[in-house]
C-alpha atoms as a PDB file:
ATOM      1  CA  MET A   1       0.044  -0.056  -0.025  1.00  0.00           C
ATOM      2  CA  GLU A   2       1.114   3.281  -1.370  1.00  0.00           C
ATOM      3  CA  ILE A   3      -0.526   6.080   0.272  1.00  0.00           C
ATOM      4  CA  THR A   4       0.040   9.862  -1.452  1.00  0.00           C
ATOM      5  CA  TYR A   5      -1.889  12.662  -0.581  1.00  0.00           C
ATOM      6  CA  LYS A   6      -2.675  15.591  -3.555  1.00  0.00           C
ATOM      7  CA  LYS A   7      -3.362  19.124  -2.762  1.00  0.00           C
ATOM      8  CA  THR A   8      -6.425  19.215  -5.386  1.00  0.00           C
ATOM      9  CA  LEU A   9     -10.195  19.031  -5.378  1.00  0.00           C
ATOM     10  CA  PRO A  10     -10.807  15.176  -5.639  1.00  0.00           C
ATOM     11  CA  ASP A  11     -13.309  13.909  -8.519  1.00  0.00           C
ATOM     12  CA  LYS A  12     -16.947  14.708  -8.135  1.00  0.00           C
ATOM     13  CA  GLU A  13     -17.725  11.229  -7.800  1.00  0.00           C
ATOM     14  CA  LYS A  14     -14.930   9.604  -6.202  1.00  0.00           C
ATOM     15  CA  TYR A  15     -15.418  12.505  -3.387  1.00  0.00           C
ATOM     16  CA  PHE A  16     -19.595  12.154  -2.908  1.00  0.00           C
ATOM     17  CA  SER A  17     -18.687   8.420  -2.561  1.00  0.00           C
ATOM     18  CA  LEU A  18     -16.033   8.655  -0.090  1.00  0.00           C
ATOM     19  CA  PHE A  19     -18.321  11.428   1.726  1.00  0.00           C
ATOM     20  CA  GLU A  20     -21.271   8.582   2.127  1.00  0.00           C
ATOM     21  CA  THR A  21     -19.193   6.777   4.072  1.00  0.00           C
ATOM     22  CA  THR A  22     -19.601   8.795   7.087  1.00  0.00           C
ATOM     23  CA  GLY A  23     -23.178   8.803   7.184  1.00  0.00           C
ATOM     24  CA  TRP A  24     -23.189  12.654   7.284  1.00  0.00           C
ATOM     25  CA  ASN A  25     -25.442  12.612   4.405  1.00  0.00           C
ATOM     26  CA  LYS A  26     -28.602  11.301   5.625  1.00  0.00           C
ATOM     27  CA  GLU A  27     -28.551  14.933   7.906  1.00  0.00           C
ATOM     28  CA  TYR A  28     -27.488  16.775   5.234  1.00  0.00           C
ATOM     29  CA  GLN A  29     -28.885  15.321   1.665  1.00  0.00           C
ATOM     30  CA  PHE A  30     -26.427  16.822  -0.576  1.00  0.00           C
ATOM     31  CA  ASN A  31     -26.368  16.111  -3.859  1.00  0.00           C
ATOM     32  CA  LYS A  32     -23.080  15.322  -5.957  1.00  0.00           C
ATOM     33  CA  GLU A  33     -23.420  19.104  -6.920  1.00  0.00           C
ATOM     34  CA  GLN A  34     -24.098  20.706  -3.856  1.00  0.00           C
ATOM     35  CA  LEU A  35     -21.106  19.114  -2.196  1.00  0.00           C
ATOM     36  CA  TYR A  36     -18.524  19.179  -5.111  1.00  0.00           C
ATOM     37  CA  GLU A  37     -19.266  22.860  -5.190  1.00  0.00           C
ATOM     38  CA  ALA A  38     -19.145  23.317  -1.455  1.00  0.00           C
ATOM     39  CA  THR A  39     -15.933  21.891  -1.410  1.00  0.00           C
ATOM     40  CA  ASN A  40     -14.263  23.862  -4.676  1.00  0.00           C
ATOM     41  CA  ARG A  41     -15.016  26.581  -1.776  1.00  0.00           C
ATOM     42  CA  SER A  42     -12.763  25.599   0.632  1.00  0.00           C
ATOM     43  CA  TRP A  43      -9.790  27.715   1.307  1.00  0.00           C
ATOM     44  CA  TYR A  44      -7.193  24.593   1.995  1.00  0.00           C
ATOM     45  CA  LEU A  45      -7.985  20.834   0.873  1.00  0.00           C
ATOM     46  CA  ILE A  46      -5.734  17.626   0.520  1.00  0.00           C
ATOM     47  CA  SER A  47      -7.113  14.132  -0.701  1.00  0.00           C
ATOM     48  CA  ALA A  48      -5.557  10.832  -0.001  1.00  0.00           C
ATOM     49  CA  TYR A  49      -5.183   8.027  -2.573  1.00  0.00           C
ATOM     50  CA  ASP A  50      -3.890   3.895  -2.608  1.00  0.00           C
ATOM     51  CA  ASN A  51      -3.036   4.193  -5.916  1.00  0.00           C
ATOM     52  CA  ASP A  52      -6.525   5.907  -8.053  1.00  0.00           C
ATOM     53  CA  ARG A  53      -8.800   5.423  -5.196  1.00  0.00           C
ATOM     54  CA  LEU A  54      -9.513   8.387  -3.007  1.00  0.00           C
ATOM     55  CA  ILE A  55      -8.970   6.953   0.801  1.00  0.00           C
ATOM     56  CA  GLY A  56      -9.596  10.305   2.400  1.00  0.00           C
ATOM     57  CA  PHE A  57      -9.696  13.477   2.296  1.00  0.00           C
ATOM     58  CA  GLY A  58      -9.607  17.213   4.879  1.00  0.00           C
ATOM     59  CA  ARG A  59     -10.329  20.852   4.042  1.00  0.00           C
ATOM     60  CA  ILE A  60      -9.811  23.694   5.875  1.00  0.00           C
ATOM     61  CA  ILE A  61     -12.506  26.654   6.123  1.00  0.00           C
ATOM     62  CA  SER A  62     -11.175  30.351   6.541  1.00  0.00           C
ATOM     63  CA  ASP A  63     -11.993  34.112   6.434  1.00  0.00           C
ATOM     64  CA  GLY A  64      -8.726  34.207   5.096  1.00  0.00           C
ATOM     65  CA  ILE A  65      -7.541  36.607   7.968  1.00  0.00           C
ATOM     66  CA  PHE A  66      -7.945  35.561  11.252  1.00  0.00           C
ATOM     67  CA  HIS A  67     -10.000  32.225  11.869  1.00  0.00           C
ATOM     68  CA  ALA A  68      -9.476  28.429   9.499  1.00  0.00           C
ATOM     69  CA  LEU A  69     -11.507  25.768  10.927  1.00  0.00           C
ATOM     70  CA  ILE A  70     -10.641  22.131   9.952  1.00  0.00           C
ATOM     71  CA  ILE A  71     -13.444  19.864   8.543  1.00  0.00           C
ATOM     72  CA  ASP A  72     -14.740  16.893   6.451  1.00  0.00           C
ATOM     73  CA  LEU A  73     -11.939  15.125   7.466  1.00  0.00           C
ATOM     74  CA  ILE A  74     -12.774  11.441   6.335  1.00  0.00           C
ATOM     75  CA  VAL A  75     -11.056   8.361   5.893  1.00  0.00           C
ATOM     76  CA  LEU A  76     -12.561   4.899   4.652  1.00  0.00           C
ATOM     77  CA  PRO A  77     -12.814   1.849   7.210  1.00  0.00           C
ATOM     78  CA  ASN A  78     -10.337  -0.430   6.021  1.00  0.00           C
ATOM     79  CA  TYR A  79      -7.449   2.524   5.954  1.00  0.00           C
ATOM     80  CA  GLN A  80      -8.232   4.077   9.108  1.00  0.00           C
ATOM     81  CA  ALA A  81      -5.908   3.435  12.281  1.00  0.00           C
ATOM     82  CA  LYS A  82      -3.002   3.796   9.861  1.00  0.00           C
ATOM     83  CA  GLY A  83      -1.639   7.402  10.121  1.00  0.00           C
ATOM     84  CA  ILE A  84      -3.671   8.488   6.802  1.00  0.00           C
ATOM     85  CA  GLY A  85      -5.751  11.033   9.138  1.00  0.00           C
ATOM     86  CA  SER A  86      -2.951  12.574  10.989  1.00  0.00           C
ATOM     87  CA  ASN A  87      -1.000  13.008   7.382  1.00  0.00           C
ATOM     88  CA  ILE A  88      -3.941  14.983   6.089  1.00  0.00           C
ATOM     89  CA  LEU A  89      -4.108  17.213   9.290  1.00  0.00           C
END
């Protein structure tokens, strides 16, 4: 397993699938377009891949001056407890 990290917005379909694994969308009920648009407005983001498979993601939203919040830190269950979330942070 060779994990790579990219500071780019992941593919819309891959990110939606990853987001769905959290169960958060039961509450939010975002569609792919809404989720992609929200993610695209992030101040900073990083995606984790095992080969071409999106396995983790994290992003920061910020006012650009004073406050920044780490949100949407996601790692697929089978990849948790391997340091991937820590590396994303």
